[in-house]
Amino acid sequence: MPVLQQEPVKSTSSPSLSLTSTVLQPFELVSATAQGFNPSDTVGVYLDSANGYELGALFCDGTGTCAGSLFVPYQGVSQGNHTLLAIGSNNLQAQLAVRFIAGIKVRDAAYGTQGGPGTPLQLIGGAFQANETVQVYWPVPALAESSRAHQPRTARERSRSPSMPRLGSLQVTITSTLSAPGRNRPH
């Protein structure tokens, strides 16, 4: 008796893509789902075109419902409106309009995201406009503020916003991938 092989059932609905949020910031890991793709397919999700930055892949179940996580890049992306393009292995496609906003991540250079006083920190940012001024505000620890509560405050301290730093210091190293005009010319 011959064995019949059954072909997987192909989706008949138009593919769709959805995210937990359509406002994206660099370094985010965003949950994504899609429907209408072929069963057991792997769907790539790209920024602005099929040749764009790949944010990740979604894995589909036997019904063509897909899920996965997408990493929002911090390099090569400007803030503003973009399109995510989800493409299955059989070229089924879905699009989703998203908006990128600028963002900064703080890492301590030695341990990832934690460290004590004196630990060097690294600020990494992305999706900023060319020549944009970026201001970084460092929060004041509640304990340090409460220990100063009994001390008289100067006029300058009173005029500061509560979010402005009053203790500590910050050093930022900026590395440019471009040379400054008039620099690095052969002599």
C-alpha atoms as a PDB file:
ATOM      1  CA  MET A   1       0.000   0.000   0.000  1.00  0.00           C
ATOM      2  CA  PRO A   2       1.553   3.329  -1.026  1.00  0.00           C
ATOM      3  CA  VAL A   3       2.180   5.958   1.655  1.00  0.00           C
ATOM      4  CA  LEU A   4       0.642   9.311   0.847  1.00  0.00           C
ATOM      5  CA  GLN A   5       2.553  12.384   1.940  1.00  0.00           C
ATOM      6  CA  GLN A   6       0.394  15.280   2.914  1.00  0.00           C
ATOM      7  CA  GLU A   7       1.535  18.760   1.913  1.00  0.00           C
ATOM      8  CA  PRO A   8       1.434  21.404   4.658  1.00  0.00           C
ATOM      9  CA  VAL A   9      -1.602  23.622   4.463  1.00  0.00           C
ATOM     10  CA  LYS A  10      -0.620  27.013   3.070  1.00  0.00           C
ATOM     11  CA  SER A  11      -2.043  30.155   4.575  1.00  0.00           C
ATOM     12  CA  THR A  12      -4.866  31.762   2.634  1.00  0.00           C
ATOM     13  CA  SER A  13      -4.968  35.027   4.578  1.00  0.00           C
ATOM     14  CA  SER A  14      -2.872  38.087   3.898  1.00  0.00           C
ATOM     15  CA  PRO A  15       0.187  38.215   6.225  1.00  0.00           C
ATOM     16  CA  SER A  16       0.278  40.732   9.058  1.00  0.00           C
ATOM     17  CA  LEU A  17       2.955  41.893  11.520  1.00  0.00           C
ATOM     18  CA  SER A  18       2.477  43.429  14.971  1.00  0.00           C
ATOM     19  CA  LEU A  19       4.772  44.610  17.783  1.00  0.00           C
ATOM     20  CA  THR A  20       4.266  45.363  21.457  1.00  0.00           C
ATOM     21  CA  SER A  21       4.947  49.024  20.503  1.00  0.00           C
ATOM     22  CA  THR A  22       5.379  50.853  17.211  1.00  0.00           C
ATOM     23  CA  VAL A  23       7.596  53.501  18.839  1.00  0.00           C
ATOM     24  CA  LEU A  24      11.091  52.011  18.945  1.00  0.00           C
ATOM     25  CA  GLN A  25      14.257  53.096  20.722  1.00  0.00           C
ATOM     26  CA  PRO A  26      17.819  51.826  20.222  1.00  0.00           C
ATOM     27  CA  PHE A  27      18.831  48.748  22.247  1.00  0.00           C
ATOM     28  CA  GLU A  28      15.247  47.610  22.857  1.00  0.00           C
ATOM     29  CA  LEU A  29      14.279  43.983  22.503  1.00  0.00           C
ATOM     30  CA  VAL A  30      10.715  44.087  21.159  1.00  0.00           C
ATOM     31  CA  SER A  31       8.267  41.174  21.029  1.00  0.00           C
ATOM     32  CA  ALA A  32       6.766  40.636  17.595  1.00  0.00           C
ATOM     33  CA  THR A  33       4.036  38.397  16.210  1.00  0.00           C
ATOM     34  CA  ALA A  34       2.880  37.689  12.682  1.00  0.00           C
ATOM     35  CA  GLN A  35       0.057  35.761  11.082  1.00  0.00           C
ATOM     36  CA  GLY A  36      -0.741  34.518   7.615  1.00  0.00           C
ATOM     37  CA  PHE A  37       2.665  33.025   6.809  1.00  0.00           C
ATOM     38  CA  ASN A  38       3.272  29.408   5.826  1.00  0.00           C
ATOM     39  CA  PRO A  39       3.320  26.753   8.563  1.00  0.00           C
ATOM     40  CA  SER A  40       6.748  26.163  10.154  1.00  0.00           C
ATOM     41  CA  ASP A  41       8.254  29.082   8.222  1.00  0.00           C
ATOM     42  CA  THR A  42      11.013  31.393   9.416  1.00  0.00           C
ATOM     43  CA  VAL A  43      10.192  35.047   8.748  1.00  0.00           C
ATOM     44  CA  GLY A  44      12.953  37.667   8.592  1.00  0.00           C
ATOM     45  CA  VAL A  45      12.102  41.191   9.746  1.00  0.00           C
ATOM     46  CA  TYR A  46      13.982  44.010   7.998  1.00  0.00           C
ATOM     47  CA  LEU A  47      14.173  47.778   8.326  1.00  0.00           C
ATOM     48  CA  ASP A  48      12.832  49.758   5.351  1.00  0.00           C
ATOM     49  CA  SER A  49      13.616  47.156   2.640  1.00  0.00           C
ATOM     50  CA  ALA A  50      14.500  43.510   2.057  1.00  0.00           C
ATOM     51  CA  ASN A  51      18.140  44.663   1.887  1.00  0.00           C
ATOM     52  CA  GLY A  52      17.853  46.693   5.093  1.00  0.00           C
ATOM     53  CA  TYR A  53      19.094  45.898   8.587  1.00  0.00           C
ATOM     54  CA  GLU A  54      17.679  42.566   9.834  1.00  0.00           C
ATOM     55  CA  LEU A  55      16.148  43.092  13.254  1.00  0.00           C
ATOM     56  CA  GLY A  56      15.550  39.387  13.852  1.00  0.00           C
ATOM     57  CA  ALA A  57      13.528  36.360  12.842  1.00  0.00           C
ATOM     58  CA  LEU A  58      10.073  35.100  13.762  1.00  0.00           C
ATOM     59  CA  PHE A  59       9.372  31.382  13.925  1.00  0.00           C
ATOM     60  CA  CYS A  60       6.001  30.100  12.752  1.00  0.00           C
ATOM     61  CA  ASP A  61       3.972  27.229  14.160  1.00  0.00           C
ATOM     62  CA  GLY A  62       1.922  24.719  12.166  1.00  0.00           C
ATOM     63  CA  THR A  63      -0.811  27.296  11.488  1.00  0.00           C
ATOM     64  CA  GLY A  64       1.449  30.072  10.178  1.00  0.00           C
ATOM     65  CA  THR A  65       1.295  32.089  13.388  1.00  0.00           C
ATOM     66  CA  CYS A  66       4.774  33.430  14.128  1.00  0.00           C
ATOM     67  CA  ALA A  67       6.505  34.940  17.153  1.00  0.00           C
ATOM     68  CA  GLY A  68       9.927  36.168  18.185  1.00  0.00           C
ATOM     69  CA  SER A  69      11.983  39.081  19.462  1.00  0.00           C
ATOM     70  CA  LEU A  70      13.505  41.898  17.451  1.00  0.00           C
ATOM     71  CA  PHE A  71      16.583  43.903  18.446  1.00  0.00           C
ATOM     72  CA  VAL A  72      16.391  47.622  17.672  1.00  0.00           C
ATOM     73  CA  PRO A  73      19.756  48.787  16.271  1.00  0.00           C
ATOM     74  CA  TYR A  74      21.594  51.873  17.487  1.00  0.00           C
ATOM     75  CA  GLN A  75      23.776  52.466  14.438  1.00  0.00           C
ATOM     76  CA  GLY A  76      22.736  53.412  10.934  1.00  0.00           C
ATOM     77  CA  VAL A  77      19.173  54.361  11.893  1.00  0.00           C
ATOM     78  CA  SER A  78      17.835  57.898  12.029  1.00  0.00           C
ATOM     79  CA  GLN A  79      14.937  58.968  14.173  1.00  0.00           C
ATOM     80  CA  GLY A  80      11.641  59.299  12.402  1.00  0.00           C
ATOM     81  CA  ASN A  81       9.228  57.123  10.470  1.00  0.00           C
ATOM     82  CA  HIS A  82      10.337  53.769   9.060  1.00  0.00           C
ATOM     83  CA  THR A  83       8.770  50.590   7.724  1.00  0.00           C
ATOM     84  CA  LEU A  84       9.386  47.087   9.032  1.00  0.00           C
ATOM     85  CA  LEU A  85       9.162  44.424   6.374  1.00  0.00           C
ATOM     86  CA  ALA A  86       8.492  40.789   7.365  1.00  0.00           C
ATOM     87  CA  ILE A  87       9.420  38.323   4.608  1.00  0.00           C
ATOM     88  CA  GLY A  88       8.757  34.584   4.664  1.00  0.00           C
ATOM     89  CA  SER A  89      10.787  31.977   2.785  1.00  0.00           C
ATOM     90  CA  ASN A  90       8.169  31.916  -0.004  1.00  0.00           C
ATOM     91  CA  ASN A  91       8.232  35.733  -0.329  1.00  0.00           C
ATOM     92  CA  LEU A  92       4.962  36.302   1.516  1.00  0.00           C
ATOM     93  CA  GLN A  93       5.330  39.784   3.026  1.00  0.00           C
ATOM     94  CA  ALA A  94       3.826  42.018   5.677  1.00  0.00           C
ATOM     95  CA  GLN A  95       4.637  45.645   6.460  1.00  0.00           C
ATOM     96  CA  LEU A  96       4.293  47.727   9.599  1.00  0.00           C
ATOM     97  CA  ALA A  97       4.872  51.463  10.044  1.00  0.00           C
ATOM     98  CA  VAL A  98       7.064  52.306  13.070  1.00  0.00           C
ATOM     99  CA  ARG A  99       8.720  55.409  14.512  1.00  0.00           C
ATOM    100  CA  PHE A 100      12.283  55.445  15.827  1.00  0.00           C
ATOM    101  CA  ILE A 101      13.221  57.798  18.650  1.00  0.00           C
ATOM    102  CA  ALA A 102      16.747  58.478  19.867  1.00  0.00           C
ATOM    103  CA  GLY A 103      18.081  56.714  22.939  1.00  0.00           C
ATOM    104  CA  ILE A 104      21.130  56.129  25.118  1.00  0.00           C
ATOM    105  CA  LYS A 105      22.264  53.040  26.970  1.00  0.00           C
ATOM    106  CA  VAL A 106      24.606  53.174  29.969  1.00  0.00           C
ATOM    107  CA  ARG A 107      27.001  50.301  30.551  1.00  0.00           C
ATOM    108  CA  ASP A 108      29.823  50.030  32.988  1.00  0.00           C
ATOM    109  CA  ALA A 109      32.895  49.165  30.986  1.00  0.00           C
ATOM    110  CA  ALA A 110      33.921  46.178  33.099  1.00  0.00           C
ATOM    111  CA  TYR A 111      30.746  44.492  34.360  1.00  0.00           C
ATOM    112  CA  GLY A 112      27.920  45.198  31.954  1.00  0.00           C
ATOM    113  CA  THR A 113      25.303  47.265  33.799  1.00  0.00           C
ATOM    114  CA  GLN A 114      26.399  47.487  37.414  1.00  0.00           C
ATOM    115  CA  GLY A 115      29.321  48.740  39.441  1.00  0.00           C
ATOM    116  CA  GLY A 116      30.187  50.892  42.417  1.00  0.00           C
ATOM    117  CA  PRO A 117      31.579  54.414  42.728  1.00  0.00           C
ATOM    118  CA  GLY A 118      34.554  54.989  40.462  1.00  0.00           C
ATOM    119  CA  THR A 119      33.420  52.374  37.948  1.00  0.00           C
ATOM    120  CA  PRO A 120      33.986  53.642  34.395  1.00  0.00           C
ATOM    121  CA  LEU A 121      30.740  53.910  32.453  1.00  0.00           C
ATOM    122  CA  GLN A 122      30.138  53.874  28.735  1.00  0.00           C
ATOM    123  CA  LEU A 123      27.289  55.813  27.126  1.00  0.00           C
ATOM    124  CA  ILE A 124      26.165  54.470  23.771  1.00  0.00           C
ATOM    125  CA  GLY A 125      23.499  56.271  21.794  1.00  0.00           C
ATOM    126  CA  GLY A 126      21.732  56.022  18.507  1.00  0.00           C
ATOM    127  CA  ALA A 127      19.071  57.419  16.169  1.00  0.00           C
ATOM    128  CA  PHE A 128      20.169  61.001  16.800  1.00  0.00           C
ATOM    129  CA  GLN A 129      19.999  63.578  14.013  1.00  0.00           C
ATOM    130  CA  ALA A 130      23.244  64.913  12.543  1.00  0.00           C
ATOM    131  CA  ASN A 131      24.589  67.811  14.664  1.00  0.00           C
ATOM    132  CA  GLU A 132      21.936  67.268  17.347  1.00  0.00           C
ATOM    133  CA  THR A 133      22.847  68.430  20.854  1.00  0.00           C
ATOM    134  CA  VAL A 134      22.416  65.670  23.411  1.00  0.00           C
ATOM    135  CA  GLN A 135      22.046  66.400  27.118  1.00  0.00           C
ATOM    136  CA  VAL A 136      22.513  63.641  29.680  1.00  0.00           C
ATOM    137  CA  TYR A 137      20.991  64.121  33.134  1.00  0.00           C
ATOM    138  CA  TRP A 138      22.256  61.934  35.945  1.00  0.00           C
ATOM    139  CA  PRO A 139      19.768  61.159  38.740  1.00  0.00           C
ATOM    140  CA  VAL A 140      20.664  62.087  42.286  1.00  0.00           C
ATOM    141  CA  PRO A 141      20.546  59.158  44.744  1.00  0.00           C
ATOM    142  CA  ALA A 142      17.764  59.639  47.315  1.00  0.00           C
ATOM    143  CA  LEU A 143      20.118  58.855  50.232  1.00  0.00           C
ATOM    144  CA  ALA A 144      22.581  61.547  49.216  1.00  0.00           C
ATOM    145  CA  GLU A 145      19.771  64.091  48.885  1.00  0.00           C
ATOM    146  CA  SER A 146      18.233  63.239  52.263  1.00  0.00           C
ATOM    147  CA  SER A 147      21.630  63.561  53.998  1.00  0.00           C
ATOM    148  CA  ARG A 148      21.883  67.121  52.651  1.00  0.00           C
ATOM    149  CA  ALA A 149      18.333  68.064  53.664  1.00  0.00           C
ATOM    150  CA  HIS A 150      19.446  69.706  56.922  1.00  0.00           C
ATOM    151  CA  GLN A 151      22.143  71.798  55.218  1.00  0.00           C
ATOM    152  CA  PRO A 152      21.326  75.264  53.878  1.00  0.00           C
ATOM    153  CA  ARG A 153      21.032  75.345  50.108  1.00  0.00           C
ATOM    154  CA  THR A 154      22.658  77.979  47.962  1.00  0.00           C
ATOM    155  CA  ALA A 155      20.653  80.078  45.516  1.00  0.00           C
ATOM    156  CA  ARG A 156      22.251  78.128  42.670  1.00  0.00           C
ATOM    157  CA  GLU A 157      21.153  74.786  44.159  1.00  0.00           C
ATOM    158  CA  ARG A 158      17.606  76.076  44.672  1.00  0.00           C
ATOM    159  CA  SER A 159      17.372  77.171  41.027  1.00  0.00           C
ATOM    160  CA  ARG A 160      18.320  73.749  39.656  1.00  0.00           C
ATOM    161  CA  SER A 161      15.716  71.370  38.392  1.00  0.00           C
ATOM    162  CA  PRO A 162      15.206  68.310  40.668  1.00  0.00           C
ATOM    163  CA  SER A 163      16.448  66.098  37.830  1.00  0.00           C
ATOM    164  CA  MET A 164      19.762  67.957  37.546  1.00  0.00           C
ATOM    165  CA  PRO A 165      22.784  66.287  39.141  1.00  0.00           C
ATOM    166  CA  ARG A 166      24.169  67.714  42.364  1.00  0.00           C
ATOM    167  CA  LEU A 167      26.725  65.018  43.192  1.00  0.00           C
ATOM    168  CA  GLY A 168      29.306  63.050  41.223  1.00  0.00           C
ATOM    169  CA  SER A 169      30.906  63.601  37.879  1.00  0.00           C
ATOM    170  CA  LEU A 170      30.553  62.334  34.375  1.00  0.00           C
ATOM    171  CA  GLN A 171      33.020  61.928  31.550  1.00  0.00           C
ATOM    172  CA  VAL A 172      31.898  61.028  28.057  1.00  0.00           C
ATOM    173  CA  THR A 173      34.237  59.824  25.344  1.00  0.00           C
ATOM    174  CA  ILE A 174      32.917  60.337  21.851  1.00  0.00           C
ATOM    175  CA  THR A 175      34.396  58.394  18.964  1.00  0.00           C
ATOM    176  CA  SER A 176      33.619  59.665  15.512  1.00  0.00           C
ATOM    177  CA  THR A 177      33.673  57.419  12.486  1.00  0.00           C
ATOM    178  CA  LEU A 178      34.375  60.443  10.269  1.00  0.00           C
ATOM    179  CA  SER A 179      37.426  62.716  10.185  1.00  0.00           C
ATOM    180  CA  ALA A 180      36.955  66.391  10.923  1.00  0.00           C
ATOM    181  CA  PRO A 181      37.107  68.781   7.948  1.00  0.00           C
ATOM    182  CA  GLY A 182      40.681  69.911   7.319  1.00  0.00           C
ATOM    183  CA  ARG A 183      42.157  67.099   9.418  1.00  0.00           C
ATOM    184  CA  ASN A 184      44.011  63.955   8.385  1.00  0.00           C
ATOM    185  CA  ARG A 185      45.079  65.455   5.101  1.00  0.00           C
ATOM    186  CA  PRO A 186      48.337  64.258   3.577  1.00  0.00           C
ATOM    187  CA  HIS A 187      51.150  66.806   4.106  1.00  0.00           C
END
